[in-house]
Amino acid sequence: MAKASLIILVSLAICMSSSLSLVNGAASDANKFTVLGHVYCDTCRVEFETSLSEPLPGAAVKLECKNRTDEKITFQSPEITTDNLGDYKIEVTGDYEDSDCDVTLVKSPRADCNDPT
C-alpha cells in the first residue's frame, strides 16, 4: 500500500498594535508586533490540527510582507526554526499596515511531510 504524502500546515497568529507611529526618528513600541505560529504535519489531510497531527520541530519558516499596491517586498525575516513543539516566534519592527504578510515553510525536517498548504 502506497504511503500517502502528508501535508504541513503553518498556522499564523499576528498580534499588531493599532497605533503605528515614529518617535524621534526611531521606531516606538507601537511599531513592534510579534508573529506566533505552529507548524505541524497534517497526517489526516483535513487541513486543520487534530489529535493525530504531529508537531514539526526543526522546521524552517520565513515571514515576508509585500506592498499591496506594487507587490514589492517590504519586509523579509531571516529563517526561523521551530522549537521542540513546532512553535515559532518572529519579532517585527516597522510599519507594514499597507502590506500583506505571510509565513511560508522554507524546509521541513521530514521528507514524508513537506507539502505545505
N, C-alpha and C. Protein backbone atom coordinates (compact mmCIF):
# COMPACT_ATOMS: atom_id res chain seq x y z
N MET A 1 0.84 -1.17 0.00
CA MET A 1 0.00 0.00 0.00
C MET A 1 0.88 1.23 0.00
N ALA A 2 0.65 2.10 -0.92
CA ALA A 2 1.48 3.30 -1.03
C ALA A 2 1.17 4.26 0.11
N LYS A 3 2.21 4.82 0.62
CA LYS A 3 2.05 5.77 1.73
C LYS A 3 1.66 7.12 1.17
N ALA A 4 0.57 7.65 1.65
CA ALA A 4 0.08 8.96 1.17
C ALA A 4 1.01 10.05 1.68
N SER A 5 1.21 11.04 0.86
CA SER A 5 2.05 12.16 1.30
C SER A 5 1.30 12.96 2.35
N LEU A 6 2.04 13.56 3.21
CA LEU A 6 1.46 14.29 4.32
C LEU A 6 1.58 15.79 4.06
N ILE A 7 0.69 16.53 4.66
CA ILE A 7 0.62 17.97 4.43
C ILE A 7 1.05 18.72 5.68
N ILE A 8 1.80 19.76 5.48
CA ILE A 8 2.20 20.62 6.59
C ILE A 8 1.34 21.85 6.57
N LEU A 9 0.82 22.18 7.70
CA LEU A 9 0.05 23.41 7.82
C LEU A 9 0.82 24.38 8.69
N VAL A 10 0.88 25.57 8.26
CA VAL A 10 1.52 26.60 9.05
C VAL A 10 0.43 27.54 9.51
N SER A 11 0.20 27.54 10.80
CA SER A 11 -0.83 28.45 11.30
C SER A 11 -0.16 29.73 11.75
N LEU A 12 -0.88 30.79 11.61
CA LEU A 12 -0.29 32.09 11.85
C LEU A 12 -1.21 32.94 12.69
N ALA A 13 -0.65 33.50 13.73
CA ALA A 13 -1.40 34.46 14.53
C ALA A 13 -0.56 35.72 14.62
N ILE A 14 -1.13 36.83 14.23
CA ILE A 14 -0.39 38.09 14.27
C ILE A 14 -1.02 39.00 15.30
N CYS A 15 -0.20 39.49 16.19
CA CYS A 15 -0.65 40.47 17.17
C CYS A 15 -0.05 41.80 16.76
N MET A 16 -0.90 42.74 16.38
CA MET A 16 -0.41 44.04 15.94
C MET A 16 -0.92 45.13 16.86
N SER A 17 -0.12 46.09 17.02
CA SER A 17 -0.54 47.27 17.76
C SER A 17 -1.39 48.12 16.83
N SER A 18 -2.43 48.75 17.35
CA SER A 18 -3.32 49.54 16.49
C SER A 18 -2.74 50.89 16.13
N SER A 19 -1.78 51.34 16.89
CA SER A 19 -1.20 52.66 16.62
C SER A 19 0.22 52.50 16.11
N LEU A 20 0.50 53.01 14.93
CA LEU A 20 1.83 52.94 14.35
C LEU A 20 2.37 54.36 14.24
N SER A 21 3.44 54.64 14.99
CA SER A 21 3.99 55.99 14.96
C SER A 21 5.49 55.94 15.17
N LEU A 22 6.15 57.02 14.79
CA LEU A 22 7.59 57.15 14.98
C LEU A 22 7.86 58.20 16.04
N VAL A 23 8.82 57.92 16.90
CA VAL A 23 9.22 58.85 17.94
C VAL A 23 10.70 59.17 17.75
N ASN A 24 11.02 60.45 17.53
CA ASN A 24 12.41 60.89 17.36
C ASN A 24 13.12 60.12 16.25
N GLY A 25 12.42 59.76 15.20
CA GLY A 25 13.03 59.08 14.07
C GLY A 25 13.31 57.60 14.31
N ALA A 26 13.02 57.11 15.48
CA ALA A 26 13.23 55.69 15.77
C ALA A 26 11.88 55.02 15.97
N ALA A 27 11.82 53.74 15.70
CA ALA A 27 10.56 53.02 15.86
C ALA A 27 10.19 52.93 17.33
N SER A 28 8.97 53.27 17.66
CA SER A 28 8.49 53.18 19.04
C SER A 28 7.93 51.79 19.28
N ASP A 29 7.49 51.54 20.52
CA ASP A 29 6.88 50.24 20.84
C ASP A 29 5.64 49.98 20.01
N ALA A 30 4.98 51.05 19.53
CA ALA A 30 3.77 50.89 18.72
C ALA A 30 4.10 50.29 17.36
N ASN A 31 5.34 50.32 16.95
CA ASN A 31 5.75 49.78 15.65
C ASN A 31 6.33 48.37 15.77
N LYS A 32 6.03 47.71 16.85
CA LYS A 32 6.52 46.34 17.05
C LYS A 32 5.34 45.40 17.12
N PHE A 33 5.49 44.25 16.48
CA PHE A 33 4.49 43.20 16.61
C PHE A 33 5.19 41.85 16.57
N THR A 34 4.49 40.86 17.04
CA THR A 34 5.04 39.52 17.13
C THR A 34 4.16 38.56 16.35
N VAL A 35 4.78 37.74 15.56
CA VAL A 35 4.08 36.69 14.82
C VAL A 35 4.37 35.38 15.54
N LEU A 36 3.30 34.73 15.98
CA LEU A 36 3.41 33.44 16.65
C LEU A 36 2.74 32.39 15.78
N GLY A 37 3.33 31.23 15.68
CA GLY A 37 2.72 30.19 14.87
C GLY A 37 3.15 28.80 15.29
N HIS A 38 2.55 27.84 14.64
CA HIS A 38 2.77 26.43 14.96
C HIS A 38 2.82 25.66 13.64
N VAL A 39 3.84 24.84 13.47
CA VAL A 39 3.98 24.02 12.26
C VAL A 39 3.75 22.57 12.66
N TYR A 40 2.87 21.92 11.91
CA TYR A 40 2.56 20.52 12.22
C TYR A 40 2.30 19.73 10.94
N CYS A 41 2.41 18.43 11.08
CA CYS A 41 2.16 17.52 9.98
C CYS A 41 0.69 17.09 10.07
N ASP A 42 -0.05 17.35 9.02
CA ASP A 42 -1.47 17.03 8.96
C ASP A 42 -1.64 15.61 8.41
N THR A 43 -1.46 14.65 9.28
CA THR A 43 -1.47 13.24 8.86
C THR A 43 -2.83 12.79 8.32
N CYS A 44 -3.90 13.47 8.72
CA CYS A 44 -5.24 13.10 8.25
C CYS A 44 -5.67 13.87 7.00
N ARG A 45 -4.88 14.87 6.61
CA ARG A 45 -5.17 15.69 5.43
C ARG A 45 -6.52 16.40 5.52
N VAL A 46 -6.84 16.91 6.70
CA VAL A 46 -8.10 17.62 6.89
C VAL A 46 -7.92 19.14 6.89
N GLU A 47 -6.69 19.59 6.81
CA GLU A 47 -6.30 21.00 6.75
C GLU A 47 -6.61 21.79 8.01
N PHE A 48 -6.67 21.09 9.15
CA PHE A 48 -6.67 21.73 10.46
C PHE A 48 -6.08 20.73 11.44
N GLU A 49 -5.60 21.23 12.56
CA GLU A 49 -4.92 20.37 13.52
C GLU A 49 -5.92 19.46 14.24
N THR A 50 -5.58 18.19 14.34
CA THR A 50 -6.38 17.21 15.05
C THR A 50 -5.51 16.52 16.10
N SER A 51 -6.08 15.60 16.84
CA SER A 51 -5.31 14.87 17.85
C SER A 51 -4.26 13.96 17.21
N LEU A 52 -4.40 13.67 15.93
CA LEU A 52 -3.42 12.83 15.22
C LEU A 52 -2.32 13.64 14.53
N SER A 53 -2.48 14.97 14.48
CA SER A 53 -1.46 15.83 13.88
C SER A 53 -0.18 15.76 14.72
N GLU A 54 0.95 15.89 14.03
CA GLU A 54 2.24 15.79 14.71
C GLU A 54 3.00 17.10 14.56
N PRO A 55 3.46 17.70 15.69
CA PRO A 55 4.23 18.93 15.59
C PRO A 55 5.54 18.66 14.84
N LEU A 56 6.05 19.70 14.19
CA LEU A 56 7.29 19.55 13.42
C LEU A 56 8.41 20.41 14.00
N PRO A 57 9.12 19.87 14.99
CA PRO A 57 10.28 20.60 15.49
C PRO A 57 11.37 20.62 14.42
N GLY A 58 12.09 21.73 14.35
CA GLY A 58 13.18 21.84 13.39
C GLY A 58 12.77 22.29 12.00
N ALA A 59 11.49 22.64 11.81
CA ALA A 59 11.05 23.17 10.51
C ALA A 59 11.53 24.61 10.39
N ALA A 60 11.84 25.04 9.18
CA ALA A 60 12.28 26.42 8.95
C ALA A 60 11.15 27.19 8.28
N VAL A 61 10.83 28.37 8.84
CA VAL A 61 9.79 29.23 8.28
C VAL A 61 10.35 30.63 8.07
N LYS A 62 9.64 31.42 7.27
CA LYS A 62 10.07 32.78 6.98
C LYS A 62 8.84 33.66 6.83
N LEU A 63 8.90 34.88 7.37
CA LEU A 63 7.84 35.86 7.21
C LEU A 63 8.23 36.81 6.11
N GLU A 64 7.29 37.06 5.18
CA GLU A 64 7.54 38.01 4.10
C GLU A 64 6.32 38.90 3.93
N CYS A 65 6.56 40.20 3.86
CA CYS A 65 5.49 41.18 3.66
C CYS A 65 5.69 41.84 2.31
N LYS A 66 4.58 42.04 1.57
CA LYS A 66 4.63 42.71 0.26
C LYS A 66 3.63 43.84 0.25
N ASN A 67 4.02 44.94 -0.36
CA ASN A 67 3.14 46.08 -0.51
C ASN A 67 1.94 45.67 -1.36
N ARG A 68 0.74 46.06 -0.91
CA ARG A 68 -0.49 45.67 -1.63
C ARG A 68 -0.58 46.29 -3.02
N THR A 69 0.02 47.45 -3.20
CA THR A 69 -0.10 48.17 -4.47
C THR A 69 0.87 47.67 -5.53
N ASP A 70 2.14 47.64 -5.19
CA ASP A 70 3.15 47.31 -6.21
C ASP A 70 3.82 45.95 -6.01
N GLU A 71 3.39 45.18 -4.98
CA GLU A 71 3.90 43.83 -4.72
C GLU A 71 5.39 43.78 -4.36
N LYS A 72 6.00 44.93 -4.07
CA LYS A 72 7.41 44.94 -3.67
C LYS A 72 7.52 44.44 -2.24
N ILE A 73 8.59 43.69 -1.97
CA ILE A 73 8.83 43.17 -0.63
C ILE A 73 9.16 44.32 0.30
N THR A 74 8.39 44.42 1.39
CA THR A 74 8.61 45.47 2.38
C THR A 74 9.30 44.94 3.63
N PHE A 75 9.22 43.64 3.85
CA PHE A 75 9.90 43.01 4.98
C PHE A 75 10.12 41.55 4.68
N GLN A 76 11.28 41.06 5.10
CA GLN A 76 11.57 39.62 4.98
C GLN A 76 12.39 39.23 6.20
N SER A 77 11.86 38.29 6.98
CA SER A 77 12.58 37.85 8.18
C SER A 77 13.66 36.85 7.78
N PRO A 78 14.61 36.65 8.68
CA PRO A 78 15.53 35.52 8.45
C PRO A 78 14.74 34.23 8.66
N GLU A 79 15.31 33.12 8.26
CA GLU A 79 14.67 31.83 8.51
C GLU A 79 14.63 31.58 10.01
N ILE A 80 13.48 31.15 10.49
CA ILE A 80 13.28 30.86 11.90
C ILE A 80 13.02 29.36 12.02
N THR A 81 13.65 28.72 12.99
CA THR A 81 13.48 27.28 13.20
C THR A 81 12.49 27.05 14.35
N THR A 82 11.56 26.14 14.13
CA THR A 82 10.57 25.83 15.16
C THR A 82 11.22 25.11 16.33
N ASP A 83 10.62 25.29 17.52
CA ASP A 83 11.15 24.65 18.72
C ASP A 83 10.69 23.20 18.80
N ASN A 84 10.90 22.56 19.94
CA ASN A 84 10.58 21.13 20.06
C ASN A 84 9.08 20.83 20.03
N LEU A 85 8.23 21.88 20.10
CA LEU A 85 6.78 21.71 19.98
C LEU A 85 6.25 22.14 18.61
N GLY A 86 7.16 22.55 17.72
CA GLY A 86 6.76 23.02 16.40
C GLY A 86 6.33 24.48 16.39
N ASP A 87 6.59 25.20 17.47
CA ASP A 87 6.18 26.60 17.58
C ASP A 87 7.31 27.53 17.13
N TYR A 88 6.91 28.72 16.66
CA TYR A 88 7.89 29.74 16.30
C TYR A 88 7.39 31.11 16.73
N LYS A 89 8.34 32.04 16.81
CA LYS A 89 8.05 33.42 17.20
C LYS A 89 8.94 34.33 16.37
N ILE A 90 8.32 35.28 15.67
CA ILE A 90 9.07 36.22 14.84
C ILE A 90 8.76 37.63 15.32
N GLU A 91 9.78 38.36 15.75
CA GLU A 91 9.64 39.74 16.19
C GLU A 91 9.84 40.65 14.98
N VAL A 92 8.92 41.62 14.81
CA VAL A 92 8.99 42.52 13.67
C VAL A 92 8.88 43.96 14.17
N THR A 93 9.71 44.83 13.62
CA THR A 93 9.63 46.25 13.93
C THR A 93 9.43 47.00 12.62
N GLY A 94 8.45 47.87 12.57
CA GLY A 94 8.20 48.67 11.37
C GLY A 94 6.73 48.82 11.10
N ASP A 95 6.41 49.64 10.13
CA ASP A 95 5.03 49.92 9.73
C ASP A 95 4.73 49.15 8.45
N TYR A 96 3.93 48.11 8.56
CA TYR A 96 3.58 47.28 7.41
C TYR A 96 2.07 47.25 7.21
N GLU A 97 1.41 48.34 7.60
CA GLU A 97 -0.05 48.43 7.52
C GLU A 97 -0.54 48.29 6.08
N ASP A 98 0.25 48.74 5.11
CA ASP A 98 -0.14 48.66 3.70
C ASP A 98 0.42 47.42 3.01
N SER A 99 0.82 46.44 3.80
CA SER A 99 1.41 45.22 3.25
C SER A 99 0.58 44.00 3.63
N ASP A 100 0.68 42.97 2.81
CA ASP A 100 0.14 41.66 3.13
C ASP A 100 1.32 40.80 3.55
N CYS A 101 1.21 40.16 4.70
CA CYS A 101 2.30 39.37 5.25
C CYS A 101 1.90 37.90 5.34
N ASP A 102 2.82 37.03 4.97
CA ASP A 102 2.58 35.59 5.01
C ASP A 102 3.80 34.88 5.57
N VAL A 103 3.55 33.85 6.34
CA VAL A 103 4.62 32.97 6.80
C VAL A 103 4.61 31.77 5.87
N THR A 104 5.78 31.39 5.38
CA THR A 104 5.87 30.24 4.49
C THR A 104 6.88 29.22 5.04
N LEU A 105 6.63 27.99 4.73
CA LEU A 105 7.54 26.93 5.10
C LEU A 105 8.73 26.95 4.14
N VAL A 106 9.93 27.02 4.69
CA VAL A 106 11.14 27.01 3.88
C VAL A 106 11.67 25.59 3.74
N LYS A 107 11.64 24.86 4.87
CA LYS A 107 12.19 23.50 4.86
C LYS A 107 11.55 22.68 5.96
N SER A 108 11.17 21.46 5.62
CA SER A 108 10.62 20.53 6.60
C SER A 108 11.71 19.56 7.02
N PRO A 109 11.73 19.18 8.30
CA PRO A 109 12.71 18.19 8.74
C PRO A 109 12.33 16.76 8.34
N ARG A 110 11.10 16.59 7.82
CA ARG A 110 10.63 15.26 7.45
C ARG A 110 10.32 15.20 5.95
N ALA A 111 10.97 14.28 5.27
CA ALA A 111 10.74 14.11 3.83
C ALA A 111 9.32 13.64 3.54
N ASP A 112 8.71 12.93 4.48
CA ASP A 112 7.35 12.42 4.27
C ASP A 112 6.28 13.45 4.64
N CYS A 113 6.71 14.65 5.01
CA CYS A 113 5.76 15.67 5.41
C CYS A 113 6.30 17.04 4.99
N ASN A 114 6.35 17.27 3.70
CA ASN A 114 6.93 18.51 3.21
C ASN A 114 6.08 19.20 2.15
N ASP A 115 4.79 18.96 2.17
CA ASP A 115 3.86 19.57 1.21
C ASP A 115 3.04 20.64 1.93
N PRO A 116 3.50 21.90 1.92
CA PRO A 116 2.80 22.94 2.68
C PRO A 116 1.45 23.30 2.05
N THR A 117 0.51 23.66 2.91
CA THR A 117 -0.78 24.17 2.45
C THR A 117 -1.05 25.50 3.11
